[in-house]
Protein backbone atom coordinates (compact mmCIF):
# COMPACT_ATOMS: atom_id res chain seq x y z
CA UNK A 1 0.00 0.00 0.00
CA UNK A 2 1.20 3.49 -0.87
CA UNK A 3 -0.11 6.51 1.04
CA UNK A 4 0.91 10.07 0.24
CA UNK A 5 0.90 12.79 2.88
CA UNK A 6 1.07 16.33 1.55
CA UNK A 7 0.64 19.82 2.97
CA UNK A 8 2.40 23.14 3.41
CA UNK A 9 5.28 23.64 5.89
CA UNK A 10 4.08 23.27 9.47
CA UNK A 11 0.87 21.46 8.55
CA UNK A 12 1.90 18.42 10.61
CA UNK A 13 3.11 16.01 7.94
CA UNK A 14 6.10 14.70 9.90
CA UNK A 15 4.23 14.34 13.21
CA UNK A 16 1.33 12.53 11.55
CA UNK A 17 3.75 10.39 9.54
CA UNK A 18 5.43 9.22 12.76
CA UNK A 19 2.05 8.13 14.14
CA UNK A 20 1.18 6.23 10.96
CA UNK A 21 4.60 4.58 10.80
CA UNK A 22 4.20 3.36 14.39
CA UNK A 23 0.76 1.93 13.59
CA UNK A 24 1.40 0.30 10.22
CA UNK A 25 5.16 -0.07 9.81
CA UNK A 26 5.29 2.17 6.74
CA UNK A 27 8.63 2.99 5.19
CA UNK A 28 8.86 6.80 5.19
CA UNK A 29 9.95 8.57 2.02
CA UNK A 30 10.28 12.32 2.62
CA UNK A 31 10.75 15.03 0.00
CA UNK A 32 11.40 17.62 2.69
CA UNK A 33 14.27 15.63 4.16
CA UNK A 34 15.82 15.27 0.73
CA UNK A 35 15.36 18.97 -0.02
CA UNK A 36 16.93 19.96 3.35
CA UNK A 37 19.77 17.50 2.78
CA UNK A 38 20.52 18.94 -0.69
CA UNK A 39 20.48 22.49 0.74
CA UNK A 40 22.81 21.53 3.58
CA UNK A 41 25.20 19.73 1.21
CA UNK A 42 25.50 22.96 -0.75
CA UNK A 43 25.86 25.07 2.40
CA UNK A 44 22.65 26.97 1.61
CA UNK A 45 19.64 28.02 3.66
CA UNK A 46 16.26 26.66 2.63
CA UNK A 47 15.39 30.07 1.17
CA UNK A 48 18.61 30.21 -0.85
CA UNK A 49 18.20 26.65 -2.06
CA UNK A 50 14.55 27.34 -2.87
CA UNK A 51 15.65 30.28 -5.02
CA UNK A 52 18.14 28.02 -6.80
CA UNK A 53 15.49 25.34 -7.29
CA UNK A 54 13.21 28.00 -8.78
CA UNK A 55 15.76 28.46 -11.57
CA UNK A 56 16.82 24.81 -11.86
CA UNK A 57 13.98 22.34 -12.44
CA UNK A 58 16.37 19.40 -12.13
CA UNK A 59 16.27 19.72 -8.31
CA UNK A 60 12.52 19.12 -7.97
CA UNK A 61 12.53 16.57 -10.76
CA UNK A 62 15.31 14.59 -9.03
CA UNK A 63 13.41 14.59 -5.71
CA UNK A 64 10.15 13.55 -7.38
CA UNK A 65 11.83 10.77 -9.36
CA UNK A 66 13.59 9.43 -6.28
CA UNK A 67 10.30 9.33 -4.37
CA UNK A 68 8.59 7.43 -7.18
CA UNK A 69 11.39 4.88 -7.33
CA UNK A 70 11.40 4.32 -3.57
CA UNK A 71 7.62 4.19 -3.14
CA UNK A 72 7.23 1.03 -5.19
CA UNK A 73 10.13 -0.78 -3.51
CA UNK A 74 8.29 -1.34 -0.23
CA UNK A 75 5.05 -3.13 0.66
CA UNK A 76 3.97 -0.23 2.89
CA UNK A 77 5.20 3.20 1.73
CA UNK A 78 4.32 6.56 3.22
CA UNK A 79 5.46 9.25 0.81
CA UNK A 80 5.59 12.70 2.40
CA UNK A 81 5.96 15.83 0.32
CA UNK A 82 4.09 18.73 -1.20
CA UNK A 83 3.90 17.12 -4.65
CA UNK A 84 3.64 13.49 -3.54
CA UNK A 85 -0.13 13.34 -4.02
CA UNK A 86 0.27 14.70 -7.53
CA UNK A 87 3.25 12.65 -8.69
CA UNK A 88 2.85 9.27 -6.97
CA UNK A 89 0.31 6.61 -7.97
CA UNK A 90 -1.00 5.98 -4.45
CA UNK A 91 -3.81 4.04 -2.82
CA UNK A 92 -4.63 7.02 -0.60
CA UNK A 93 -3.68 10.68 -1.11
CA UNK A 94 -3.97 12.95 1.94
CA UNK A 95 -3.62 16.76 2.15
CA UNK A 96 -3.04 18.34 5.57
CA UNK A 97 -3.99 21.99 5.88
CA UNK A 98 -4.10 24.65 8.57
CA UNK A 99 -3.83 28.41 8.96
CA UNK A 100 -0.51 30.19 8.40
CA UNK A 101 -0.36 31.41 12.01
CA UNK A 102 -0.61 27.88 13.36
CA UNK A 103 1.96 26.61 10.87
CA UNK A 104 4.38 29.45 11.72
CA UNK A 105 4.14 28.60 15.43
CA UNK A 106 4.89 24.95 14.69
CA UNK A 107 7.84 25.79 12.43
CA UNK A 108 9.21 28.25 15.04
CA UNK A 109 9.09 25.58 17.72
CA UNK A 110 10.66 22.94 15.45
CA UNK A 111 13.44 25.21 14.17
CA UNK A 112 14.06 27.12 17.43
CA UNK A 113 13.36 30.52 15.86
CA UNK A 114 10.90 33.33 16.48
CA UNK A 115 7.35 33.00 15.21
CA UNK A 116 7.83 36.16 13.12
CA UNK A 117 10.93 34.73 11.44
CA UNK A 118 9.19 31.39 10.92
CA UNK A 119 6.24 33.17 9.31
CA UNK A 120 8.50 35.18 6.97
CA UNK A 121 10.57 32.14 5.97
CA UNK A 122 7.46 29.99 5.51
CA UNK A 123 5.78 32.57 3.29
CA UNK A 124 8.96 32.98 1.22
CA UNK A 125 9.35 29.22 0.88
CA UNK A 126 5.73 28.73 -0.12
CA UNK A 127 5.95 31.48 -2.73
CA UNK A 128 9.10 29.94 -4.18
CA UNK A 129 7.53 26.48 -4.28
CA UNK A 130 4.23 27.70 -5.75
CA UNK A 131 6.14 29.51 -8.50
CA UNK A 132 8.29 26.45 -9.25
CA UNK A 133 5.34 24.06 -9.27
CA UNK A 134 3.39 26.33 -11.62
CA UNK A 135 6.38 26.91 -13.94
CA UNK A 136 7.72 23.34 -14.00
CA UNK A 137 4.54 21.26 -13.69
CA UNK A 138 1.63 23.65 -14.29
CA UNK A 139 0.36 22.78 -10.80
CA UNK A 140 -1.81 25.14 -8.78
CA UNK A 141 -1.04 24.41 -5.11
CA UNK A 142 -4.51 25.66 -4.18
CA UNK A 143 -6.22 22.95 -6.25
CA UNK A 144 -6.67 19.96 -3.94
CA UNK A 145 -8.93 17.98 -6.28
CA UNK A 146 -6.42 15.11 -6.64
CA UNK A 147 -6.57 14.30 -2.91
CA UNK A 148 -8.82 11.65 -1.39
CA UNK A 149 -8.80 13.15 2.08
CA UNK A 150 -8.24 16.75 3.28
CA UNK A 151 -7.80 17.35 7.02
CA UNK A 152 -7.48 20.64 8.92
CA UNK A 153 -4.76 19.82 11.46
CA UNK A 154 -5.56 22.73 13.79
CA UNK A 155 -8.60 20.74 14.95
CA UNK A 156 -6.72 17.62 16.13
CA UNK A 157 -3.28 16.69 17.39
CA UNK A 158 -1.10 14.30 15.36
CA UNK A 159 -2.70 11.26 16.99
CA UNK A 160 -6.20 12.51 16.14
CA UNK A 161 -5.26 13.21 12.53
CA UNK A 162 -3.62 9.77 12.32
CA UNK A 163 -6.85 8.26 13.70
CA UNK A 164 -8.79 9.79 10.80
CA UNK A 165 -6.27 8.59 8.24
CA UNK A 166 -6.17 5.15 9.89
CA UNK A 167 -9.91 4.82 9.40
CA UNK A 168 -9.39 5.45 5.68
CA UNK A 169 -6.43 3.06 5.46
CA UNK A 170 -8.26 0.30 7.32
CA UNK A 171 -11.25 0.73 5.01
CA UNK A 172 -9.03 0.44 1.96
CA UNK A 173 -7.27 -2.63 3.35
CA UNK A 174 -10.64 -4.23 4.09
CA UNK A 175 -11.61 -3.65 0.46
CA UNK A 176 -8.39 -5.21 -0.84
CA UNK A 177 -6.24 -2.14 -1.58
C-alpha atoms as a PDB file:
ATOM      1  CA  UNK A   1       0.000   0.000   0.000  1.00  0.00           C
ATOM      2  CA  UNK A   2       1.197   3.491  -0.865  1.00  0.00           C
ATOM      3  CA  UNK A   3      -0.114   6.509   1.038  1.00  0.00           C
ATOM      4  CA  UNK A   4       0.908  10.073   0.240  1.00  0.00           C
ATOM      5  CA  UNK A   5       0.895  12.785   2.879  1.00  0.00           C
ATOM      6  CA  UNK A   6       1.065  16.331   1.547  1.00  0.00           C
ATOM      7  CA  UNK A   7       0.644  19.820   2.974  1.00  0.00           C
ATOM      8  CA  UNK A   8       2.396  23.136   3.414  1.00  0.00           C
ATOM      9  CA  UNK A   9       5.282  23.644   5.890  1.00  0.00           C
ATOM     10  CA  UNK A  10       4.076  23.269   9.472  1.00  0.00           C
ATOM     11  CA  UNK A  11       0.867  21.455   8.554  1.00  0.00           C
ATOM     12  CA  UNK A  12       1.898  18.420  10.605  1.00  0.00           C
ATOM     13  CA  UNK A  13       3.112  16.015   7.941  1.00  0.00           C
ATOM     14  CA  UNK A  14       6.099  14.704   9.897  1.00  0.00           C
ATOM     15  CA  UNK A  15       4.232  14.339  13.207  1.00  0.00           C
ATOM     16  CA  UNK A  16       1.331  12.526  11.554  1.00  0.00           C
ATOM     17  CA  UNK A  17       3.747  10.388   9.536  1.00  0.00           C
ATOM     18  CA  UNK A  18       5.428   9.218  12.758  1.00  0.00           C
ATOM     19  CA  UNK A  19       2.049   8.130  14.139  1.00  0.00           C
ATOM     20  CA  UNK A  20       1.182   6.230  10.963  1.00  0.00           C
ATOM     21  CA  UNK A  21       4.599   4.578  10.800  1.00  0.00           C
ATOM     22  CA  UNK A  22       4.197   3.363  14.390  1.00  0.00           C
ATOM     23  CA  UNK A  23       0.760   1.926  13.587  1.00  0.00           C
ATOM     24  CA  UNK A  24       1.400   0.304  10.223  1.00  0.00           C
ATOM     25  CA  UNK A  25       5.157  -0.070   9.811  1.00  0.00           C
ATOM     26  CA  UNK A  26       5.286   2.165   6.743  1.00  0.00           C
ATOM     27  CA  UNK A  27       8.630   2.991   5.186  1.00  0.00           C
ATOM     28  CA  UNK A  28       8.865   6.799   5.188  1.00  0.00           C
ATOM     29  CA  UNK A  29       9.950   8.571   2.018  1.00  0.00           C
ATOM     30  CA  UNK A  30      10.283  12.321   2.619  1.00  0.00           C
ATOM     31  CA  UNK A  31      10.747  15.027  -0.004  1.00  0.00           C
ATOM     32  CA  UNK A  32      11.398  17.619   2.689  1.00  0.00           C
ATOM     33  CA  UNK A  33      14.266  15.630   4.157  1.00  0.00           C
ATOM     34  CA  UNK A  34      15.815  15.269   0.733  1.00  0.00           C
ATOM     35  CA  UNK A  35      15.360  18.974  -0.017  1.00  0.00           C
ATOM     36  CA  UNK A  36      16.929  19.961   3.353  1.00  0.00           C
ATOM     37  CA  UNK A  37      19.774  17.497   2.776  1.00  0.00           C
ATOM     38  CA  UNK A  38      20.517  18.936  -0.686  1.00  0.00           C
ATOM     39  CA  UNK A  39      20.476  22.495   0.737  1.00  0.00           C
ATOM     40  CA  UNK A  40      22.808  21.528   3.575  1.00  0.00           C
ATOM     41  CA  UNK A  41      25.200  19.730   1.211  1.00  0.00           C
ATOM     42  CA  UNK A  42      25.499  22.963  -0.749  1.00  0.00           C
ATOM     43  CA  UNK A  43      25.864  25.074   2.401  1.00  0.00           C
ATOM     44  CA  UNK A  44      22.653  26.969   1.614  1.00  0.00           C
ATOM     45  CA  UNK A  45      19.638  28.019   3.655  1.00  0.00           C
ATOM     46  CA  UNK A  46      16.262  26.656   2.625  1.00  0.00           C
ATOM     47  CA  UNK A  47      15.391  30.069   1.175  1.00  0.00           C
ATOM     48  CA  UNK A  48      18.611  30.213  -0.854  1.00  0.00           C
ATOM     49  CA  UNK A  49      18.200  26.648  -2.058  1.00  0.00           C
ATOM     50  CA  UNK A  50      14.553  27.336  -2.874  1.00  0.00           C
ATOM     51  CA  UNK A  51      15.648  30.283  -5.016  1.00  0.00           C
ATOM     52  CA  UNK A  52      18.137  28.020  -6.801  1.00  0.00           C
ATOM     53  CA  UNK A  53      15.485  25.336  -7.294  1.00  0.00           C
ATOM     54  CA  UNK A  54      13.206  28.002  -8.776  1.00  0.00           C
ATOM     55  CA  UNK A  55      15.762  28.455 -11.573  1.00  0.00           C
ATOM     56  CA  UNK A  56      16.824  24.812 -11.863  1.00  0.00           C
ATOM     57  CA  UNK A  57      13.980  22.343 -12.440  1.00  0.00           C
ATOM     58  CA  UNK A  58      16.367  19.398 -12.127  1.00  0.00           C
ATOM     59  CA  UNK A  59      16.269  19.720  -8.314  1.00  0.00           C
ATOM     60  CA  UNK A  60      12.523  19.125  -7.970  1.00  0.00           C
ATOM     61  CA  UNK A  61      12.528  16.569 -10.756  1.00  0.00           C
ATOM     62  CA  UNK A  62      15.307  14.589  -9.029  1.00  0.00           C
ATOM     63  CA  UNK A  63      13.415  14.593  -5.709  1.00  0.00           C
ATOM     64  CA  UNK A  64      10.145  13.547  -7.381  1.00  0.00           C
ATOM     65  CA  UNK A  65      11.825  10.773  -9.363  1.00  0.00           C
ATOM     66  CA  UNK A  66      13.594   9.434  -6.284  1.00  0.00           C
ATOM     67  CA  UNK A  67      10.296   9.329  -4.370  1.00  0.00           C
ATOM     68  CA  UNK A  68       8.588   7.426  -7.181  1.00  0.00           C
ATOM     69  CA  UNK A  69      11.392   4.877  -7.328  1.00  0.00           C
ATOM     70  CA  UNK A  70      11.402   4.324  -3.571  1.00  0.00           C
ATOM     71  CA  UNK A  71       7.621   4.193  -3.142  1.00  0.00           C
ATOM     72  CA  UNK A  72       7.229   1.029  -5.191  1.00  0.00           C
ATOM     73  CA  UNK A  73      10.131  -0.780  -3.512  1.00  0.00           C
ATOM     74  CA  UNK A  74       8.290  -1.339  -0.233  1.00  0.00           C
ATOM     75  CA  UNK A  75       5.048  -3.131   0.656  1.00  0.00           C
ATOM     76  CA  UNK A  76       3.968  -0.229   2.886  1.00  0.00           C
ATOM     77  CA  UNK A  77       5.201   3.198   1.731  1.00  0.00           C
ATOM     78  CA  UNK A  78       4.317   6.556   3.225  1.00  0.00           C
ATOM     79  CA  UNK A  79       5.460   9.254   0.807  1.00  0.00           C
ATOM     80  CA  UNK A  80       5.592  12.696   2.396  1.00  0.00           C
ATOM     81  CA  UNK A  81       5.962  15.832   0.319  1.00  0.00           C
ATOM     82  CA  UNK A  82       4.087  18.726  -1.196  1.00  0.00           C
ATOM     83  CA  UNK A  83       3.900  17.122  -4.648  1.00  0.00           C
ATOM     84  CA  UNK A  84       3.641  13.486  -3.543  1.00  0.00           C
ATOM     85  CA  UNK A  85      -0.127  13.338  -4.021  1.00  0.00           C
ATOM     86  CA  UNK A  86       0.269  14.696  -7.532  1.00  0.00           C
ATOM     87  CA  UNK A  87       3.250  12.648  -8.692  1.00  0.00           C
ATOM     88  CA  UNK A  88       2.849   9.267  -6.969  1.00  0.00           C
ATOM     89  CA  UNK A  89       0.310   6.615  -7.974  1.00  0.00           C
ATOM     90  CA  UNK A  90      -1.002   5.975  -4.452  1.00  0.00           C
ATOM     91  CA  UNK A  91      -3.807   4.038  -2.821  1.00  0.00           C
ATOM     92  CA  UNK A  92      -4.631   7.024  -0.599  1.00  0.00           C
ATOM     93  CA  UNK A  93      -3.684  10.683  -1.108  1.00  0.00           C
ATOM     94  CA  UNK A  94      -3.974  12.954   1.943  1.00  0.00           C
ATOM     95  CA  UNK A  95      -3.620  16.765   2.147  1.00  0.00           C
ATOM     96  CA  UNK A  96      -3.040  18.343   5.565  1.00  0.00           C
ATOM     97  CA  UNK A  97      -3.987  21.991   5.881  1.00  0.00           C
ATOM     98  CA  UNK A  98      -4.101  24.649   8.574  1.00  0.00           C
ATOM     99  CA  UNK A  99      -3.831  28.414   8.960  1.00  0.00           C
ATOM    100  CA  UNK A 100      -0.510  30.192   8.399  1.00  0.00           C
ATOM    101  CA  UNK A 101      -0.356  31.413  12.014  1.00  0.00           C
ATOM    102  CA  UNK A 102      -0.612  27.876  13.363  1.00  0.00           C
ATOM    103  CA  UNK A 103       1.955  26.611  10.868  1.00  0.00           C
ATOM    104  CA  UNK A 104       4.381  29.453  11.716  1.00  0.00           C
ATOM    105  CA  UNK A 105       4.138  28.603  15.430  1.00  0.00           C
ATOM    106  CA  UNK A 106       4.888  24.954  14.692  1.00  0.00           C
ATOM    107  CA  UNK A 107       7.835  25.793  12.433  1.00  0.00           C
ATOM    108  CA  UNK A 108       9.207  28.248  15.040  1.00  0.00           C
ATOM    109  CA  UNK A 109       9.091  25.578  17.717  1.00  0.00           C
ATOM    110  CA  UNK A 110      10.658  22.941  15.453  1.00  0.00           C
ATOM    111  CA  UNK A 111      13.441  25.208  14.171  1.00  0.00           C
ATOM    112  CA  UNK A 112      14.059  27.120  17.432  1.00  0.00           C
ATOM    113  CA  UNK A 113      13.364  30.516  15.862  1.00  0.00           C
ATOM    114  CA  UNK A 114      10.898  33.334  16.480  1.00  0.00           C
ATOM    115  CA  UNK A 115       7.345  32.998  15.213  1.00  0.00           C
ATOM    116  CA  UNK A 116       7.829  36.156  13.116  1.00  0.00           C
ATOM    117  CA  UNK A 117      10.934  34.732  11.444  1.00  0.00           C
ATOM    118  CA  UNK A 118       9.189  31.391  10.922  1.00  0.00           C
ATOM    119  CA  UNK A 119       6.240  33.168   9.311  1.00  0.00           C
ATOM    120  CA  UNK A 120       8.499  35.176   6.972  1.00  0.00           C
ATOM    121  CA  UNK A 121      10.566  32.145   5.973  1.00  0.00           C
ATOM    122  CA  UNK A 122       7.458  29.992   5.512  1.00  0.00           C
ATOM    123  CA  UNK A 123       5.777  32.574   3.290  1.00  0.00           C
ATOM    124  CA  UNK A 124       8.964  32.978   1.217  1.00  0.00           C
ATOM    125  CA  UNK A 125       9.353  29.222   0.881  1.00  0.00           C
ATOM    126  CA  UNK A 126       5.728  28.732  -0.119  1.00  0.00           C
ATOM    127  CA  UNK A 127       5.949  31.484  -2.730  1.00  0.00           C
ATOM    128  CA  UNK A 128       9.097  29.937  -4.182  1.00  0.00           C
ATOM    129  CA  UNK A 129       7.530  26.483  -4.277  1.00  0.00           C
ATOM    130  CA  UNK A 130       4.231  27.701  -5.746  1.00  0.00           C
ATOM    131  CA  UNK A 131       6.135  29.507  -8.496  1.00  0.00           C
ATOM    132  CA  UNK A 132       8.285  26.447  -9.254  1.00  0.00           C
ATOM    133  CA  UNK A 133       5.342  24.064  -9.274  1.00  0.00           C
ATOM    134  CA  UNK A 134       3.388  26.328 -11.619  1.00  0.00           C
ATOM    135  CA  UNK A 135       6.379  26.909 -13.944  1.00  0.00           C
ATOM    136  CA  UNK A 136       7.721  23.337 -14.003  1.00  0.00           C
ATOM    137  CA  UNK A 137       4.543  21.263 -13.692  1.00  0.00           C
ATOM    138  CA  UNK A 138       1.631  23.654 -14.292  1.00  0.00           C
ATOM    139  CA  UNK A 139       0.359  22.782 -10.804  1.00  0.00           C
ATOM    140  CA  UNK A 140      -1.807  25.138  -8.783  1.00  0.00           C
ATOM    141  CA  UNK A 141      -1.037  24.413  -5.114  1.00  0.00           C
ATOM    142  CA  UNK A 142      -4.512  25.663  -4.181  1.00  0.00           C
ATOM    143  CA  UNK A 143      -6.223  22.952  -6.251  1.00  0.00           C
ATOM    144  CA  UNK A 144      -6.669  19.959  -3.938  1.00  0.00           C
ATOM    145  CA  UNK A 145      -8.926  17.976  -6.280  1.00  0.00           C
ATOM    146  CA  UNK A 146      -6.421  15.110  -6.640  1.00  0.00           C
ATOM    147  CA  UNK A 147      -6.569  14.303  -2.909  1.00  0.00           C
ATOM    148  CA  UNK A 148      -8.819  11.652  -1.393  1.00  0.00           C
ATOM    149  CA  UNK A 149      -8.797  13.147   2.084  1.00  0.00           C
ATOM    150  CA  UNK A 150      -8.238  16.749   3.282  1.00  0.00           C
ATOM    151  CA  UNK A 151      -7.800  17.347   7.025  1.00  0.00           C
ATOM    152  CA  UNK A 152      -7.479  20.644   8.919  1.00  0.00           C
ATOM    153  CA  UNK A 153      -4.755  19.818  11.456  1.00  0.00           C
ATOM    154  CA  UNK A 154      -5.558  22.728  13.793  1.00  0.00           C
ATOM    155  CA  UNK A 155      -8.596  20.744  14.948  1.00  0.00           C
ATOM    156  CA  UNK A 156      -6.721  17.616  16.134  1.00  0.00           C
ATOM    157  CA  UNK A 157      -3.277  16.686  17.390  1.00  0.00           C
ATOM    158  CA  UNK A 158      -1.097  14.303  15.363  1.00  0.00           C
ATOM    159  CA  UNK A 159      -2.699  11.260  16.987  1.00  0.00           C
ATOM    160  CA  UNK A 160      -6.195  12.511  16.143  1.00  0.00           C
ATOM    161  CA  UNK A 161      -5.259  13.209  12.526  1.00  0.00           C
ATOM    162  CA  UNK A 162      -3.623   9.773  12.320  1.00  0.00           C
ATOM    163  CA  UNK A 163      -6.848   8.255  13.700  1.00  0.00           C
ATOM    164  CA  UNK A 164      -8.795   9.788  10.805  1.00  0.00           C
ATOM    165  CA  UNK A 165      -6.268   8.590   8.237  1.00  0.00           C
ATOM    166  CA  UNK A 166      -6.168   5.154   9.889  1.00  0.00           C
ATOM    167  CA  UNK A 167      -9.910   4.817   9.402  1.00  0.00           C
ATOM    168  CA  UNK A 168      -9.386   5.451   5.681  1.00  0.00           C
ATOM    169  CA  UNK A 169      -6.425   3.058   5.463  1.00  0.00           C
ATOM    170  CA  UNK A 170      -8.264   0.295   7.322  1.00  0.00           C
ATOM    171  CA  UNK A 171     -11.248   0.727   5.007  1.00  0.00           C
ATOM    172  CA  UNK A 172      -9.032   0.437   1.960  1.00  0.00           C
ATOM    173  CA  UNK A 173      -7.269  -2.633   3.349  1.00  0.00           C
ATOM    174  CA  UNK A 174     -10.639  -4.232   4.094  1.00  0.00           C
ATOM    175  CA  UNK A 175     -11.609  -3.653   0.460  1.00  0.00           C
ATOM    176  CA  UNK A 176      -8.387  -5.205  -0.836  1.00  0.00           C
ATOM    177  CA  UNK A 177      -6.235  -2.144  -1.578  1.00  0.00           C
END
